[in-house]
Amino acid sequence: MSDAPVIVCRELAKTYRDFWGRRRFPALRGIDLEVARGDSFALLGPNGSGKTTTLRLLLGLLRPTSGEVQLFGRSPTDAAARRHVGFLPERSSLQGFLSCSETLTLHARLQGVPRAERTERIGGLLERVDLLDAAKRRVHELSHGMRRRLALAVALIGAPQLLVLDEPTAGMDPLVREGVLALFREHVEKGGTLVVTSHLLGDISGIAERAALLAAGRVVRSGRLDDLLRREGLRDIRIRGGPEIDAIVAEAVRGAGGELESAGPARATIEELFLETYRAMDDATDEGDAVRGTGSP
């Protein structure tokens, strides 16, 4: 397998036209990007910064005004390149009259998945996105979050080398999102490549190693995500103990020539609180079932 980059952008620009065909809105202003095989890469930026336009250009869904984009060393409109891509758009269009399993069967056939592999692959994906119990339900009966998870399974059904995700966990609760993020990490661990955009920065830090920050259609910063997040001159230290330890720590820090900016109880994020609470409830239920002899064998 070639070691050439999966994605290459050189001076990539896109200007949208108005109703009269006049160039009015420059969405991208000449960006340079390169994503290596096995990389996990995030595009970050506020609304209107050019993230979704970049993804559409990478996939050949839009044509650039100028510049060059390559996908697996080919034009992104080349069927041979797009065959290796799984795409989860921000807004997915699924056939409402099909069931979840029928939807995946349809896309498995379109992706050329051998008949002998379809049943096992479809069942495995439905289980991983927590839709196994909804396999026979029609798409129009599903909640927004369930449809989102089904769309993710569609993106994965062809076992793509490159997975492109636009706001992949939008509408998912933290319990489901944790499992979905694990799917993304597994994709990269198995040698796949990941490109993702998301407003949920906690999700990005859990799956992406490299990132580019876009603003007004330009790349303003790029590099390893850990390096971009590091704040020189500041240290994060977590110490187990009560309030009485704050003064001891402050004195030690001053003695080393530093300054303790703040001290107080560690706080969980809202998502951590949510997950800890529901995991404790599940553990209590399992323990109660075991005492009553009704737990699973």
C-alpha atoms as a PDB file:
ATOM      1  CA  MET A   1       0.000   0.000   0.000  1.00  0.00           C
ATOM      2  CA  SER A   2       1.343   3.416  -0.939  1.00  0.00           C
ATOM      3  CA  ASP A   3       2.701   5.744   1.755  1.00  0.00           C
ATOM      4  CA  ALA A   4       1.570   8.806  -0.220  1.00  0.00           C
ATOM      5  CA  PRO A   5      -0.708  11.237   1.663  1.00  0.00           C
ATOM      6  CA  VAL A   6      -4.402  10.409   1.597  1.00  0.00           C
ATOM      7  CA  ILE A   7      -5.343  14.095   1.180  1.00  0.00           C
ATOM      8  CA  VAL A   8      -3.341  16.945  -0.348  1.00  0.00           C
ATOM      9  CA  CYS A   9      -4.599  20.519  -0.759  1.00  0.00           C
ATOM     10  CA  ARG A  10      -2.488  23.194  -2.405  1.00  0.00           C
ATOM     11  CA  GLU A  11      -3.654  26.815  -2.518  1.00  0.00           C
ATOM     12  CA  LEU A  12      -7.236  25.529  -2.442  1.00  0.00           C
ATOM     13  CA  ALA A  13      -9.796  28.315  -2.883  1.00  0.00           C
ATOM     14  CA  LYS A  14     -13.545  28.483  -3.338  1.00  0.00           C
ATOM     15  CA  THR A  15     -15.636  31.569  -4.092  1.00  0.00           C
ATOM     16  CA  TYR A  16     -19.405  31.209  -4.232  1.00  0.00           C
ATOM     17  CA  ARG A  17     -21.404  33.128  -6.806  1.00  0.00           C
ATOM     18  CA  ASP A  18     -24.637  35.073  -6.390  1.00  0.00           C
ATOM     19  CA  PHE A  19     -27.864  34.609  -8.371  1.00  0.00           C
ATOM     20  CA  TRP A  20     -26.384  36.507 -11.318  1.00  0.00           C
ATOM     21  CA  GLY A  21     -23.235  34.379 -11.436  1.00  0.00           C
ATOM     22  CA  ARG A  22     -21.010  37.065  -9.940  1.00  0.00           C
ATOM     23  CA  ARG A  23     -18.303  36.023  -7.484  1.00  0.00           C
ATOM     24  CA  ARG A  24     -19.410  37.331  -4.107  1.00  0.00           C
ATOM     25  CA  PHE A  25     -18.398  35.168  -1.151  1.00  0.00           C
ATOM     26  CA  PRO A  26     -14.866  33.771  -0.772  1.00  0.00           C
ATOM     27  CA  ALA A  27     -15.402  30.712   1.457  1.00  0.00           C
ATOM     28  CA  LEU A  28     -11.794  29.480   1.145  1.00  0.00           C
ATOM     29  CA  ARG A  29      -8.798  31.709   0.416  1.00  0.00           C
ATOM     30  CA  GLY A  30      -5.972  29.365  -0.582  1.00  0.00           C
ATOM     31  CA  ILE A  31      -5.444  26.718   2.080  1.00  0.00           C
ATOM     32  CA  ASP A  32      -2.661  24.129   2.227  1.00  0.00           C
ATOM     33  CA  LEU A  33      -3.351  20.822   3.989  1.00  0.00           C
ATOM     34  CA  GLU A  34      -1.868  17.355   3.998  1.00  0.00           C
ATOM     35  CA  VAL A  35      -3.310  14.309   5.765  1.00  0.00           C
ATOM     36  CA  ALA A  36      -1.165  11.178   5.964  1.00  0.00           C
ATOM     37  CA  ARG A  37      -2.412   7.602   5.932  1.00  0.00           C
ATOM     38  CA  GLY A  38      -3.408   6.551   9.454  1.00  0.00           C
ATOM     39  CA  ASP A  39      -3.738  10.162  10.607  1.00  0.00           C
ATOM     40  CA  SER A  40      -6.599  11.507  12.725  1.00  0.00           C
ATOM     41  CA  PHE A  41      -7.132  15.097  11.666  1.00  0.00           C
ATOM     42  CA  ALA A  42      -9.597  17.751  12.837  1.00  0.00           C
ATOM     43  CA  LEU A  43     -10.775  20.899  11.082  1.00  0.00           C
ATOM     44  CA  LEU A  44     -11.747  23.472  13.699  1.00  0.00           C
ATOM     45  CA  GLY A  45     -13.250  26.921  13.468  1.00  0.00           C
ATOM     46  CA  PRO A  46     -16.389  28.992  13.999  1.00  0.00           C
ATOM     47  CA  ASN A  47     -19.416  28.864  11.722  1.00  0.00           C
ATOM     48  CA  GLY A  48     -18.540  30.275   8.316  1.00  0.00           C
ATOM     49  CA  SER A  49     -14.821  29.577   8.646  1.00  0.00           C
ATOM     50  CA  GLY A  50     -14.812  27.155   5.696  1.00  0.00           C
ATOM     51  CA  LYS A  51     -14.852  23.716   7.369  1.00  0.00           C
ATOM     52  CA  THR A  52     -17.804  22.196   5.507  1.00  0.00           C
ATOM     53  CA  THR A  53     -16.711  23.746   2.198  1.00  0.00           C
ATOM     54  CA  THR A  54     -13.299  22.132   2.663  1.00  0.00           C
ATOM     55  CA  LEU A  55     -14.858  18.712   3.257  1.00  0.00           C
ATOM     56  CA  ARG A  56     -17.053  19.033   0.163  1.00  0.00           C
ATOM     57  CA  LEU A  57     -14.054  19.954  -1.965  1.00  0.00           C
ATOM     58  CA  LEU A  58     -12.097  17.001  -0.573  1.00  0.00           C
ATOM     59  CA  LEU A  59     -14.926  14.672  -1.593  1.00  0.00           C
ATOM     60  CA  GLY A  60     -15.472  16.135  -5.045  1.00  0.00           C
ATOM     61  CA  LEU A  61     -18.937  17.434  -4.130  1.00  0.00           C
ATOM     62  CA  LEU A  62     -17.794  20.937  -5.065  1.00  0.00           C
ATOM     63  CA  ARG A  63     -15.284  22.161  -7.612  1.00  0.00           C
ATOM     64  CA  PRO A  64     -12.585  24.582  -6.432  1.00  0.00           C
ATOM     65  CA  THR A  65     -12.350  28.060  -7.886  1.00  0.00           C
ATOM     66  CA  SER A  66      -8.575  27.623  -7.925  1.00  0.00           C
ATOM     67  CA  GLY A  67      -5.900  25.425  -6.429  1.00  0.00           C
ATOM     68  CA  GLU A  68      -5.547  21.674  -6.263  1.00  0.00           C
ATOM     69  CA  VAL A  69      -6.968  18.864  -4.170  1.00  0.00           C
ATOM     70  CA  GLN A  70      -5.997  15.195  -4.376  1.00  0.00           C
ATOM     71  CA  LEU A  71      -7.639  12.174  -2.764  1.00  0.00           C
ATOM     72  CA  PHE A  72      -5.487   9.031  -2.672  1.00  0.00           C
ATOM     73  CA  GLY A  73      -3.317  10.695  -5.324  1.00  0.00           C
ATOM     74  CA  ARG A  74      -6.270  11.165  -7.692  1.00  0.00           C
ATOM     75  CA  SER A  75      -8.928  13.727  -8.431  1.00  0.00           C
ATOM     76  CA  PRO A  76     -11.638  13.600  -5.732  1.00  0.00           C
ATOM     77  CA  THR A  77     -14.192  13.051  -8.510  1.00  0.00           C
ATOM     78  CA  ASP A  78     -12.437   9.835  -9.551  1.00  0.00           C
ATOM     79  CA  ALA A  79     -14.586   6.808  -8.645  1.00  0.00           C
ATOM     80  CA  ALA A  80     -11.462   4.789  -7.832  1.00  0.00           C
ATOM     81  CA  ALA A  81     -10.562   7.287  -5.086  1.00  0.00           C
ATOM     82  CA  ARG A  82     -14.072   7.770  -3.706  1.00  0.00           C
ATOM     83  CA  ARG A  83     -14.548   4.006  -3.398  1.00  0.00           C
ATOM     84  CA  HIS A  84     -12.324   4.083  -0.298  1.00  0.00           C
ATOM     85  CA  VAL A  85     -14.210   6.895   1.473  1.00  0.00           C
ATOM     86  CA  GLY A  86     -16.990   6.791   4.050  1.00  0.00           C
ATOM     87  CA  PHE A  87     -18.756  10.134   4.563  1.00  0.00           C
ATOM     88  CA  LEU A  88     -21.065  11.307   7.328  1.00  0.00           C
ATOM     89  CA  PRO A  89     -22.474  14.726   6.323  1.00  0.00           C
ATOM     90  CA  GLU A  90     -23.859  17.165   8.855  1.00  0.00           C
ATOM     91  CA  ARG A  91     -27.350  16.543   7.449  1.00  0.00           C
ATOM     92  CA  SER A  92     -28.017  13.059   6.154  1.00  0.00           C
ATOM     93  CA  SER A  93     -30.772  12.064   3.737  1.00  0.00           C
ATOM     94  CA  LEU A  94     -31.998   8.540   4.431  1.00  0.00           C
ATOM     95  CA  GLN A  95     -34.987   6.783   2.877  1.00  0.00           C
ATOM     96  CA  GLY A  96     -37.718   7.083   5.487  1.00  0.00           C
ATOM     97  CA  PHE A  97     -39.708   4.060   4.313  1.00  0.00           C
ATOM     98  CA  LEU A  98     -36.791   1.636   4.780  1.00  0.00           C
ATOM     99  CA  SER A  99     -35.970  -0.061   8.062  1.00  0.00           C
ATOM    100  CA  CYS A 100     -32.534   0.286   9.663  1.00  0.00           C
ATOM    101  CA  SER A 101     -31.412  -3.137   8.456  1.00  0.00           C
ATOM    102  CA  GLU A 102     -32.828  -2.502   4.955  1.00  0.00           C
ATOM    103  CA  THR A 103     -30.968   0.811   4.797  1.00  0.00           C
ATOM    104  CA  LEU A 104     -27.659  -0.861   5.604  1.00  0.00           C
ATOM    105  CA  THR A 105     -28.387  -3.723   3.201  1.00  0.00           C
ATOM    106  CA  LEU A 106     -28.992  -1.227   0.394  1.00  0.00           C
ATOM    107  CA  HIS A 107     -25.747   0.637   1.058  1.00  0.00           C
ATOM    108  CA  ALA A 108     -23.790  -2.584   1.525  1.00  0.00           C
ATOM    109  CA  ARG A 109     -24.879  -3.663  -1.965  1.00  0.00           C
ATOM    110  CA  LEU A 110     -24.000  -0.247  -3.385  1.00  0.00           C
ATOM    111  CA  GLN A 111     -20.557  -0.501  -1.762  1.00  0.00           C
ATOM    112  CA  GLY A 112     -19.993  -3.969  -3.189  1.00  0.00           C
ATOM    113  CA  VAL A 113     -19.903  -5.773   0.173  1.00  0.00           C
ATOM    114  CA  PRO A 114     -19.972  -9.523  -0.600  1.00  0.00           C
ATOM    115  CA  ARG A 115     -23.285 -11.204   0.181  1.00  0.00           C
ATOM    116  CA  ALA A 116     -21.588 -13.634   2.583  1.00  0.00           C
ATOM    117  CA  GLU A 117     -20.340 -10.735   4.742  1.00  0.00           C
ATOM    118  CA  ARG A 118     -23.420  -8.512   4.754  1.00  0.00           C
ATOM    119  CA  THR A 119     -25.453 -10.077   7.562  1.00  0.00           C
ATOM    120  CA  GLU A 120     -22.567 -10.195  10.028  1.00  0.00           C
ATOM    121  CA  ARG A 121     -21.322  -6.716   9.159  1.00  0.00           C
ATOM    122  CA  ILE A 122     -24.800  -5.152   9.380  1.00  0.00           C
ATOM    123  CA  GLY A 123     -25.536  -6.804  12.717  1.00  0.00           C
ATOM    124  CA  GLY A 124     -22.192  -5.754  14.126  1.00  0.00           C
ATOM    125  CA  LEU A 125     -22.622  -2.124  13.086  1.00  0.00           C
ATOM    126  CA  LEU A 126     -26.195  -1.929  14.402  1.00  0.00           C
ATOM    127  CA  GLU A 127     -24.923  -3.204  17.733  1.00  0.00           C
ATOM    128  CA  ARG A 128     -22.009  -0.758  17.842  1.00  0.00           C
ATOM    129  CA  VAL A 129     -24.262   2.258  17.192  1.00  0.00           C
ATOM    130  CA  ASP A 130     -26.868   0.961  19.667  1.00  0.00           C
ATOM    131  CA  LEU A 131     -29.582   0.292  17.080  1.00  0.00           C
ATOM    132  CA  LEU A 132     -29.782  -3.502  17.191  1.00  0.00           C
ATOM    133  CA  ASP A 133     -33.170  -3.399  18.950  1.00  0.00           C
ATOM    134  CA  ALA A 134     -34.399  -0.935  16.298  1.00  0.00           C
ATOM    135  CA  ALA A 135     -33.222  -2.974  13.298  1.00  0.00           C
ATOM    136  CA  LYS A 136     -36.767  -3.415  11.924  1.00  0.00           C
ATOM    137  CA  ARG A 137     -38.010   0.099  12.657  1.00  0.00           C
ATOM    138  CA  ARG A 138     -38.557   2.484   9.750  1.00  0.00           C
ATOM    139  CA  VAL A 139     -36.213   5.430   9.449  1.00  0.00           C
ATOM    140  CA  HIS A 140     -39.103   7.925   9.687  1.00  0.00           C
ATOM    141  CA  GLU A 141     -39.951   6.489  13.118  1.00  0.00           C
ATOM    142  CA  LEU A 142     -36.494   7.186  14.539  1.00  0.00           C
ATOM    143  CA  SER A 143     -35.447  10.140  16.666  1.00  0.00           C
ATOM    144  CA  HIS A 144     -32.869  12.586  15.321  1.00  0.00           C
ATOM    145  CA  GLY A 145     -30.100  10.974  17.364  1.00  0.00           C
ATOM    146  CA  MET A 146     -31.023   7.482  16.153  1.00  0.00           C
ATOM    147  CA  ARG A 147     -31.034   8.615  12.521  1.00  0.00           C
ATOM    148  CA  ARG A 148     -27.634  10.157  13.095  1.00  0.00           C
ATOM    149  CA  ARG A 149     -26.266   6.873  14.391  1.00  0.00           C
ATOM    150  CA  LEU A 150     -27.771   5.000  11.437  1.00  0.00           C
ATOM    151  CA  ALA A 151     -26.095   7.460   9.047  1.00  0.00           C
ATOM    152  CA  LEU A 152     -22.794   6.716  10.770  1.00  0.00           C
ATOM    153  CA  ALA A 153     -23.333   2.986  10.226  1.00  0.00           C
ATOM    154  CA  VAL A 154     -23.980   3.742   6.539  1.00  0.00           C
ATOM    155  CA  ALA A 155     -20.640   5.584   6.361  1.00  0.00           C
ATOM    156  CA  LEU A 156     -18.876   2.562   7.875  1.00  0.00           C
ATOM    157  CA  ILE A 157     -20.634  -0.242   5.983  1.00  0.00           C
ATOM    158  CA  GLY A 158     -18.059  -0.368   3.189  1.00  0.00           C
ATOM    159  CA  ALA A 159     -15.079  -0.598   5.606  1.00  0.00           C
ATOM    160  CA  PRO A 160     -13.582   2.644   4.192  1.00  0.00           C
ATOM    161  CA  GLN A 161      -9.908   3.546   4.396  1.00  0.00           C
ATOM    162  CA  LEU A 162     -10.815   7.226   4.894  1.00  0.00           C
ATOM    163  CA  LEU A 163     -13.651   8.286   7.179  1.00  0.00           C
ATOM    164  CA  VAL A 164     -14.838  11.884   6.766  1.00  0.00           C
ATOM    165  CA  LEU A 165     -17.150  13.164   9.497  1.00  0.00           C
ATOM    166  CA  ASP A 166     -19.001  16.480   9.641  1.00  0.00           C
ATOM    167  CA  GLU A 167     -20.326  17.077  13.181  1.00  0.00           C
ATOM    168  CA  PRO A 168     -20.536  13.306  13.774  1.00  0.00           C
ATOM    169  CA  THR A 169     -21.949  13.244  17.322  1.00  0.00           C
ATOM    170  CA  ALA A 170     -24.542  16.005  16.957  1.00  0.00           C
ATOM    171  CA  GLY A 171     -27.778  14.973  18.687  1.00  0.00           C
ATOM    172  CA  MET A 172     -26.260  12.014  20.556  1.00  0.00           C
ATOM    173  CA  ASP A 173     -26.416  11.690  24.332  1.00  0.00           C
ATOM    174  CA  PRO A 174     -23.126  11.181  26.213  1.00  0.00           C
ATOM    175  CA  LEU A 175     -23.656   7.453  26.766  1.00  0.00           C
ATOM    176  CA  VAL A 176     -24.051   6.729  23.059  1.00  0.00           C
ATOM    177  CA  ARG A 177     -21.406   9.273  22.063  1.00  0.00           C
ATOM    178  CA  GLU A 178     -18.777   7.508  24.141  1.00  0.00           C
ATOM    179  CA  GLY A 179     -19.301   4.297  22.158  1.00  0.00           C
ATOM    180  CA  VAL A 180     -19.284   6.170  18.848  1.00  0.00           C
ATOM    181  CA  LEU A 181     -15.989   7.879  19.690  1.00  0.00           C
ATOM    182  CA  ALA A 182     -14.554   4.457  20.486  1.00  0.00           C
ATOM    183  CA  LEU A 183     -15.534   3.373  16.955  1.00  0.00           C
ATOM    184  CA  PHE A 184     -13.561   6.282  15.505  1.00  0.00           C
ATOM    185  CA  ARG A 185     -10.491   5.449  17.593  1.00  0.00           C
ATOM    186  CA  GLU A 186     -10.665   1.813  16.487  1.00  0.00           C
ATOM    187  CA  HIS A 187     -10.812   2.933  12.854  1.00  0.00           C
ATOM    188  CA  VAL A 188      -7.506   4.789  13.272  1.00  0.00           C
ATOM    189  CA  GLU A 189      -5.905   2.012  15.352  1.00  0.00           C
ATOM    190  CA  LYS A 190      -6.589  -0.411  12.493  1.00  0.00           C
ATOM    191  CA  GLY A 191      -4.716   1.859  10.058  1.00  0.00           C
ATOM    192  CA  GLY A 192      -7.632   3.934   8.793  1.00  0.00           C
ATOM    193  CA  THR A 193      -7.549   7.685   8.284  1.00  0.00           C
ATOM    194  CA  LEU A 194      -9.963  10.102   9.946  1.00  0.00           C
ATOM    195  CA  VAL A 195     -10.928  13.677   9.076  1.00  0.00           C
ATOM    196  CA  VAL A 196     -13.500  15.283  11.368  1.00  0.00           C
ATOM    197  CA  THR A 197     -15.145  18.612  12.145  1.00  0.00           C
ATOM    198  CA  SER A 198     -17.083  19.241  15.332  1.00  0.00           C
ATOM    199  CA  HIS A 199     -18.216  22.041  17.628  1.00  0.00           C
ATOM    200  CA  LEU A 200     -17.846  19.605  20.567  1.00  0.00           C
ATOM    201  CA  LEU A 201     -14.200  20.145  21.373  1.00  0.00           C
ATOM    202  CA  GLY A 202     -14.244  17.418  24.012  1.00  0.00           C
ATOM    203  CA  ASP A 203     -15.001  14.931  21.239  1.00  0.00           C
ATOM    204  CA  ILE A 204     -12.195  16.284  19.066  1.00  0.00           C
ATOM    205  CA  SER A 205      -9.588  15.985  21.810  1.00  0.00           C
ATOM    206  CA  GLY A 206     -10.654  12.378  22.329  1.00  0.00           C
ATOM    207  CA  ILE A 207     -10.077  11.257  18.732  1.00  0.00           C
ATOM    208  CA  ALA A 208      -7.832  13.689  16.806  1.00  0.00           C
ATOM    209  CA  GLU A 209      -4.053  13.943  17.019  1.00  0.00           C
ATOM    210  CA  ARG A 210      -3.604  16.806  14.545  1.00  0.00           C
ATOM    211  CA  ALA A 211      -5.724  19.847  13.770  1.00  0.00           C
ATOM    212  CA  ALA A 212      -6.009  22.931  11.604  1.00  0.00           C
ATOM    213  CA  LEU A 213      -7.809  26.039  12.805  1.00  0.00           C
ATOM    214  CA  LEU A 214      -9.713  27.890  10.092  1.00  0.00           C
ATOM    215  CA  ALA A 215     -10.848  31.505  10.204  1.00  0.00           C
ATOM    216  CA  ALA A 216     -12.389  33.426   7.310  1.00  0.00           C
ATOM    217  CA  GLY A 217     -11.359  30.720   4.862  1.00  0.00           C
ATOM    218  CA  ARG A 218      -7.716  30.566   5.902  1.00  0.00           C
ATOM    219  CA  VAL A 219      -5.646  28.180   8.025  1.00  0.00           C
ATOM    220  CA  VAL A 220      -4.518  30.314  10.942  1.00  0.00           C
ATOM    221  CA  ARG A 221      -2.864  27.569  13.033  1.00  0.00           C
ATOM    222  CA  SER A 222      -2.070  23.900  12.508  1.00  0.00           C
ATOM    223  CA  GLY A 223      -0.091  21.118  14.105  1.00  0.00           C
ATOM    224  CA  ARG A 224      -0.391  18.447  16.764  1.00  0.00           C
ATOM    225  CA  LEU A 225      -3.462  19.060  18.882  1.00  0.00           C
ATOM    226  CA  ASP A 226      -1.531  18.604  22.142  1.00  0.00           C
ATOM    227  CA  ASP A 227       0.921  21.291  21.065  1.00  0.00           C
ATOM    228  CA  LEU A 228      -1.874  23.683  20.085  1.00  0.00           C
ATOM    229  CA  LEU A 229      -3.586  23.237  23.463  1.00  0.00           C
ATOM    230  CA  ARG A 230      -0.443  23.555  25.566  1.00  0.00           C
ATOM    231  CA  ARG A 231      -0.093  26.820  27.519  1.00  0.00           C
ATOM    232  CA  GLU A 232       3.541  27.519  28.262  1.00  0.00           C
ATOM    233  CA  GLY A 233       4.245  28.749  31.778  1.00  0.00           C
ATOM    234  CA  LEU A 234       1.120  27.143  33.272  1.00  0.00           C
ATOM    235  CA  ARG A 235       0.886  23.724  34.917  1.00  0.00           C
ATOM    236  CA  ASP A 236      -2.193  21.605  35.641  1.00  0.00           C
ATOM    237  CA  ILE A 237      -1.713  19.531  38.797  1.00  0.00           C
ATOM    238  CA  ARG A 238      -4.393  17.442  40.492  1.00  0.00           C
ATOM    239  CA  ILE A 239      -3.788  16.611  44.161  1.00  0.00           C
ATOM    240  CA  ARG A 240      -5.983  14.382  46.317  1.00  0.00           C
ATOM    241  CA  GLY A 241      -6.686  15.976  49.690  1.00  0.00           C
ATOM    242  CA  GLY A 242      -8.830  18.492  51.589  1.00  0.00           C
ATOM    243  CA  PRO A 243      -8.807  22.313  51.740  1.00  0.00           C
ATOM    244  CA  GLU A 244      -5.982  22.274  54.306  1.00  0.00           C
ATOM    245  CA  ILE A 245      -3.551  21.196  51.615  1.00  0.00           C
ATOM    246  CA  ASP A 246      -4.041  24.386  49.591  1.00  0.00           C
ATOM    247  CA  ALA A 247      -1.795  26.467  51.862  1.00  0.00           C
ATOM    248  CA  ILE A 248       0.925  23.797  51.843  1.00  0.00           C
ATOM    249  CA  VAL A 249       0.878  23.642  48.054  1.00  0.00           C
ATOM    250  CA  ALA A 250       0.888  27.446  47.747  1.00  0.00           C
ATOM    251  CA  GLU A 251       3.922  27.716  50.035  1.00  0.00           C
ATOM    252  CA  ALA A 252       5.787  25.014  48.092  1.00  0.00           C
ATOM    253  CA  VAL A 253       5.024  26.713  44.790  1.00  0.00           C
ATOM    254  CA  ARG A 254       6.228  30.093  46.072  1.00  0.00           C
ATOM    255  CA  GLY A 255       9.389  28.455  47.387  1.00  0.00           C
ATOM    256  CA  ALA A 256      10.117  27.174  43.870  1.00  0.00           C
ATOM    257  CA  GLY A 257       9.664  30.654  42.389  1.00  0.00           C
ATOM    258  CA  GLY A 258       6.176  30.105  41.057  1.00  0.00           C
ATOM    259  CA  GLU A 259       2.735  31.480  41.849  1.00  0.00           C
ATOM    260  CA  LEU A 260      -0.400  29.492  42.664  1.00  0.00           C
ATOM    261  CA  GLU A 261      -3.142  31.139  40.611  1.00  0.00           C
ATOM    262  CA  SER A 262      -6.028  29.117  42.032  1.00  0.00           C
ATOM    263  CA  ALA A 263      -6.793  26.163  44.262  1.00  0.00           C
ATOM    264  CA  GLY A 264     -10.043  24.423  45.054  1.00  0.00           C
ATOM    265  CA  PRO A 265     -11.991  21.208  44.670  1.00  0.00           C
ATOM    266  CA  ALA A 266     -11.588  19.410  41.352  1.00  0.00           C
ATOM    267  CA  ARG A 267     -14.730  19.582  39.245  1.00  0.00           C
ATOM    268  CA  ALA A 268     -16.092  17.049  36.803  1.00  0.00           C
ATOM    269  CA  THR A 269     -17.493  18.151  33.476  1.00  0.00           C
ATOM    270  CA  ILE A 270     -21.248  17.834  33.015  1.00  0.00           C
ATOM    271  CA  GLU A 271     -20.664  14.886  30.684  1.00  0.00           C
ATOM    272  CA  GLU A 272     -18.487  13.129  33.295  1.00  0.00           C
ATOM    273  CA  LEU A 273     -21.230  13.627  35.887  1.00  0.00           C
ATOM    274  CA  PHE A 274     -23.802  12.205  33.473  1.00  0.00           C
ATOM    275  CA  LEU A 275     -21.709   9.138  32.673  1.00  0.00           C
ATOM    276  CA  GLU A 276     -20.734   8.442  36.298  1.00  0.00           C
ATOM    277  CA  THR A 277     -24.353   8.684  37.445  1.00  0.00           C
ATOM    278  CA  TYR A 278     -25.758   6.337  34.823  1.00  0.00           C
ATOM    279  CA  ARG A 279     -22.909   3.864  35.197  1.00  0.00           C
ATOM    280  CA  ALA A 280     -23.557   3.741  38.943  1.00  0.00           C
ATOM    281  CA  MET A 281     -27.254   3.117  38.245  1.00  0.00           C
ATOM    282  CA  ASP A 282     -26.369   0.289  35.848  1.00  0.00           C
ATOM    283  CA  ASP A 283     -23.975  -1.248  38.381  1.00  0.00           C
ATOM    284  CA  ALA A 284     -26.642  -1.089  41.102  1.00  0.00           C
ATOM    285  CA  THR A 285     -29.172  -2.754  38.800  1.00  0.00           C
ATOM    286  CA  ASP A 286     -26.723  -5.521  37.910  1.00  0.00           C
ATOM    287  CA  GLU A 287     -25.905  -6.079  41.593  1.00  0.00           C
ATOM    288  CA  GLY A 288     -29.601  -6.247  42.499  1.00  0.00           C
ATOM    289  CA  ASP A 289     -30.253  -8.767  39.726  1.00  0.00           C
ATOM    290  CA  ALA A 290     -27.383 -10.925  40.958  1.00  0.00           C
ATOM    291  CA  VAL A 291     -28.711 -10.911  44.552  1.00  0.00           C
ATOM    292  CA  ARG A 292     -32.172 -11.913  43.300  1.00  0.00           C
ATOM    293  CA  GLY A 293     -30.687 -14.546  41.002  1.00  0.00           C
ATOM    294  CA  THR A 294     -32.047 -12.871  37.885  1.00  0.00           C
ATOM    295  CA  GLY A 295     -28.747 -11.724  36.378  1.00  0.00           C
ATOM    296  CA  SER A 296     -27.542 -13.003  33.056  1.00  0.00           C
ATOM    297  CA  PRO A 297     -25.679 -16.330  33.253  1.00  0.00           C
END
